[in-house]
Amino acid sequence: MSYSNRDKTAELRCELCDRAVPALTAHHLTPRQNTKRKKLDSGPTIQICSACHRQIHAFYNNAHLAKELNSLEKLQQDPKMQNFIAWVKKQYPGKRVQVDRR
């Protein structure tokens, strides 16, 4: 890997777990299923790593996300996510981590 590629990777940080990762995904704070059918604005998004994104959707259904966990701060303060974040911070950023469905 060249030095410039390492610089680009270092710039991509997950807003939830704060890890430097090779790629980020957009997580809609209000699930799109709640806005798309009604032709409403899909609302704000946060840029998070795929591990955090997959874990959010494994833990919670869209109704719970829309009502209870509709901000970055609420996601960060949720006890299940806090445990996951503490664990995932120790994982190698390029590794595809398995999500916990409990």
C-alpha atoms as a PDB file:
ATOM      1  CA  MET A   1       0.000   0.000   0.000  1.00  0.00           C
ATOM      2  CA  SER A   2       1.411   3.376  -0.925  1.00  0.00           C
ATOM      3  CA  TYR A   3       1.705   6.202   1.563  1.00  0.00           C
ATOM      4  CA  SER A   4      -1.068   8.217  -0.146  1.00  0.00           C
ATOM      5  CA  ASN A   5      -3.523   5.295   0.180  1.00  0.00           C
ATOM      6  CA  ARG A   6      -2.816   5.085   3.901  1.00  0.00           C
ATOM      7  CA  ASP A   7      -3.554   8.803   4.199  1.00  0.00           C
ATOM      8  CA  LYS A   8      -6.953   8.371   2.501  1.00  0.00           C
ATOM      9  CA  THR A   9      -7.854   5.433   4.746  1.00  0.00           C
ATOM     10  CA  ALA A  10      -6.869   7.390   7.839  1.00  0.00           C
ATOM     11  CA  GLU A  11      -9.283  10.172   6.819  1.00  0.00           C
ATOM     12  CA  LEU A  12     -12.284   7.833   6.828  1.00  0.00           C
ATOM     13  CA  ARG A  13     -13.479   7.536  10.414  1.00  0.00           C
ATOM     14  CA  CYS A  14     -16.658   5.892  11.564  1.00  0.00           C
ATOM     15  CA  GLU A  15     -18.817   8.450  13.341  1.00  0.00           C
ATOM     16  CA  LEU A  16     -20.059   5.786  15.751  1.00  0.00           C
ATOM     17  CA  CYS A  17     -16.974   3.783  16.783  1.00  0.00           C
ATOM     18  CA  ASP A  18     -14.352   6.347  15.636  1.00  0.00           C
ATOM     19  CA  ARG A  19     -12.205   3.714  13.889  1.00  0.00           C
ATOM     20  CA  ALA A  20     -10.208   4.590  10.787  1.00  0.00           C
ATOM     21  CA  VAL A  21     -11.608   2.263   8.115  1.00  0.00           C
ATOM     22  CA  PRO A  22     -11.197   1.696   4.360  1.00  0.00           C
ATOM     23  CA  ALA A  23     -14.849   2.553   3.555  1.00  0.00           C
ATOM     24  CA  LEU A  24     -17.943   4.057   5.152  1.00  0.00           C
ATOM     25  CA  THR A  25     -21.667   3.581   4.606  1.00  0.00           C
ATOM     26  CA  ALA A  26     -24.504   6.056   5.076  1.00  0.00           C
ATOM     27  CA  HIS A  27     -26.934   5.169   7.864  1.00  0.00           C
ATOM     28  CA  HIS A  28     -30.282   6.988   7.709  1.00  0.00           C
ATOM     29  CA  LEU A  29     -31.188   8.127  11.211  1.00  0.00           C
ATOM     30  CA  THR A  30     -34.855   7.879  10.226  1.00  0.00           C
ATOM     31  CA  PRO A  31     -35.197   4.587   8.348  1.00  0.00           C
ATOM     32  CA  ARG A  32     -36.026   5.119   4.689  1.00  0.00           C
ATOM     33  CA  GLN A  33     -39.034   2.809   4.860  1.00  0.00           C
ATOM     34  CA  ASN A  34     -40.667   5.474   7.064  1.00  0.00           C
ATOM     35  CA  THR A  35     -40.049   8.269   4.548  1.00  0.00           C
ATOM     36  CA  LYS A  36     -39.853   6.729   1.064  1.00  0.00           C
ATOM     37  CA  ARG A  37     -43.509   5.606   0.800  1.00  0.00           C
ATOM     38  CA  LYS A  38     -44.720   8.977   2.036  1.00  0.00           C
ATOM     39  CA  LYS A  39     -42.381  10.754  -0.423  1.00  0.00           C
ATOM     40  CA  LEU A  40     -40.743  12.648   2.455  1.00  0.00           C
ATOM     41  CA  ASP A  41     -37.134  13.780   2.739  1.00  0.00           C
ATOM     42  CA  SER A  42     -35.060  10.842   3.953  1.00  0.00           C
ATOM     43  CA  GLY A  43     -33.498  13.070   6.599  1.00  0.00           C
ATOM     44  CA  PRO A  44     -29.982  13.168   7.995  1.00  0.00           C
ATOM     45  CA  THR A  45     -27.455  10.372   7.699  1.00  0.00           C
ATOM     46  CA  ILE A  46     -24.284   9.470   9.547  1.00  0.00           C
ATOM     47  CA  GLN A  47     -21.197   7.927   7.956  1.00  0.00           C
ATOM     48  CA  ILE A  48     -20.360   4.680   9.725  1.00  0.00           C
ATOM     49  CA  CYS A  49     -18.329   1.539   9.094  1.00  0.00           C
ATOM     50  CA  SER A  50     -20.050  -1.566   7.774  1.00  0.00           C
ATOM     51  CA  ALA A  51     -19.544  -3.390  11.104  1.00  0.00           C
ATOM     52  CA  CYS A  52     -21.474  -0.735  13.051  1.00  0.00           C
ATOM     53  CA  HIS A  53     -24.124  -0.497  10.334  1.00  0.00           C
ATOM     54  CA  ARG A  54     -24.753  -4.236  10.252  1.00  0.00           C
ATOM     55  CA  GLN A  55     -24.823  -4.404  14.063  1.00  0.00           C
ATOM     56  CA  ILE A  56     -27.389  -1.604  14.358  1.00  0.00           C
ATOM     57  CA  HIS A  57     -29.761  -3.412  12.006  1.00  0.00           C
ATOM     58  CA  ALA A  58     -29.129  -6.769  13.711  1.00  0.00           C
ATOM     59  CA  PHE A  59     -30.024  -5.353  17.143  1.00  0.00           C
ATOM     60  CA  TYR A  60     -32.993  -3.130  16.287  1.00  0.00           C
ATOM     61  CA  ASN A  61     -35.961  -3.047  13.944  1.00  0.00           C
ATOM     62  CA  ASN A  62     -36.735   0.069  11.931  1.00  0.00           C
ATOM     63  CA  ALA A  63     -39.641   1.118  14.169  1.00  0.00           C
ATOM     64  CA  HIS A  64     -37.345   1.182  17.231  1.00  0.00           C
ATOM     65  CA  LEU A  65     -34.653   3.040  15.307  1.00  0.00           C
ATOM     66  CA  ALA A  66     -37.150   5.675  14.125  1.00  0.00           C
ATOM     67  CA  LYS A  67     -38.636   6.268  17.599  1.00  0.00           C
ATOM     68  CA  GLU A  68     -35.772   5.711  20.015  1.00  0.00           C
ATOM     69  CA  LEU A  69     -32.378   5.760  18.270  1.00  0.00           C
ATOM     70  CA  ASN A  70     -32.751   8.502  15.694  1.00  0.00           C
ATOM     71  CA  SER A  71     -29.556  10.440  16.439  1.00  0.00           C
ATOM     72  CA  LEU A  72     -25.850   9.707  16.658  1.00  0.00           C
ATOM     73  CA  GLU A  73     -25.888  10.585  20.365  1.00  0.00           C
ATOM     74  CA  LYS A  74     -28.739   8.184  21.129  1.00  0.00           C
ATOM     75  CA  LEU A  75     -26.966   5.363  19.277  1.00  0.00           C
ATOM     76  CA  GLN A  76     -23.738   6.079  21.179  1.00  0.00           C
ATOM     77  CA  GLN A  77     -25.576   6.070  24.530  1.00  0.00           C
ATOM     78  CA  ASP A  78     -27.487   2.832  23.936  1.00  0.00           C
ATOM     79  CA  PRO A  79     -26.078   0.102  26.248  1.00  0.00           C
ATOM     80  CA  LYS A  80     -26.039  -2.630  23.570  1.00  0.00           C
ATOM     81  CA  MET A  81     -24.224  -0.361  21.129  1.00  0.00           C
ATOM     82  CA  GLN A  82     -21.793   0.800  23.829  1.00  0.00           C
ATOM     83  CA  ASN A  83     -20.767  -2.819  24.420  1.00  0.00           C
ATOM     84  CA  PHE A  84     -20.388  -3.431  20.691  1.00  0.00           C
ATOM     85  CA  ILE A  85     -18.413  -0.219  20.157  1.00  0.00           C
ATOM     86  CA  ALA A  86     -16.016  -1.079  22.995  1.00  0.00           C
ATOM     87  CA  TRP A  87     -15.425  -4.489  21.374  1.00  0.00           C
ATOM     88  CA  VAL A  88     -15.201  -3.366  17.743  1.00  0.00           C
ATOM     89  CA  LYS A  89     -12.633  -0.659  18.557  1.00  0.00           C
ATOM     90  CA  LYS A  90     -10.203  -3.496  19.340  1.00  0.00           C
ATOM     91  CA  GLN A  91     -10.745  -5.196  15.958  1.00  0.00           C
ATOM     92  CA  TYR A  92      -8.572  -4.737  12.890  1.00  0.00           C
ATOM     93  CA  PRO A  93     -10.360  -2.182  10.636  1.00  0.00           C
ATOM     94  CA  GLY A  94      -9.967  -4.276   7.473  1.00  0.00           C
ATOM     95  CA  LYS A  95     -11.479  -7.386   9.077  1.00  0.00           C
ATOM     96  CA  ARG A  96     -15.118  -8.207   8.368  1.00  0.00           C
ATOM     97  CA  VAL A  97     -16.560  -8.712  11.833  1.00  0.00           C
ATOM     98  CA  GLN A  98     -19.547 -10.916  12.557  1.00  0.00           C
ATOM     99  CA  VAL A  99     -22.602  -9.245  14.017  1.00  0.00           C
ATOM    100  CA  ASP A 100     -24.216 -10.414  17.230  1.00  0.00           C
ATOM    101  CA  ARG A 101     -27.950 -10.946  16.813  1.00  0.00           C
ATOM    102  CA  ARG A 102     -28.721 -10.963  20.555  1.00  0.00           C
END
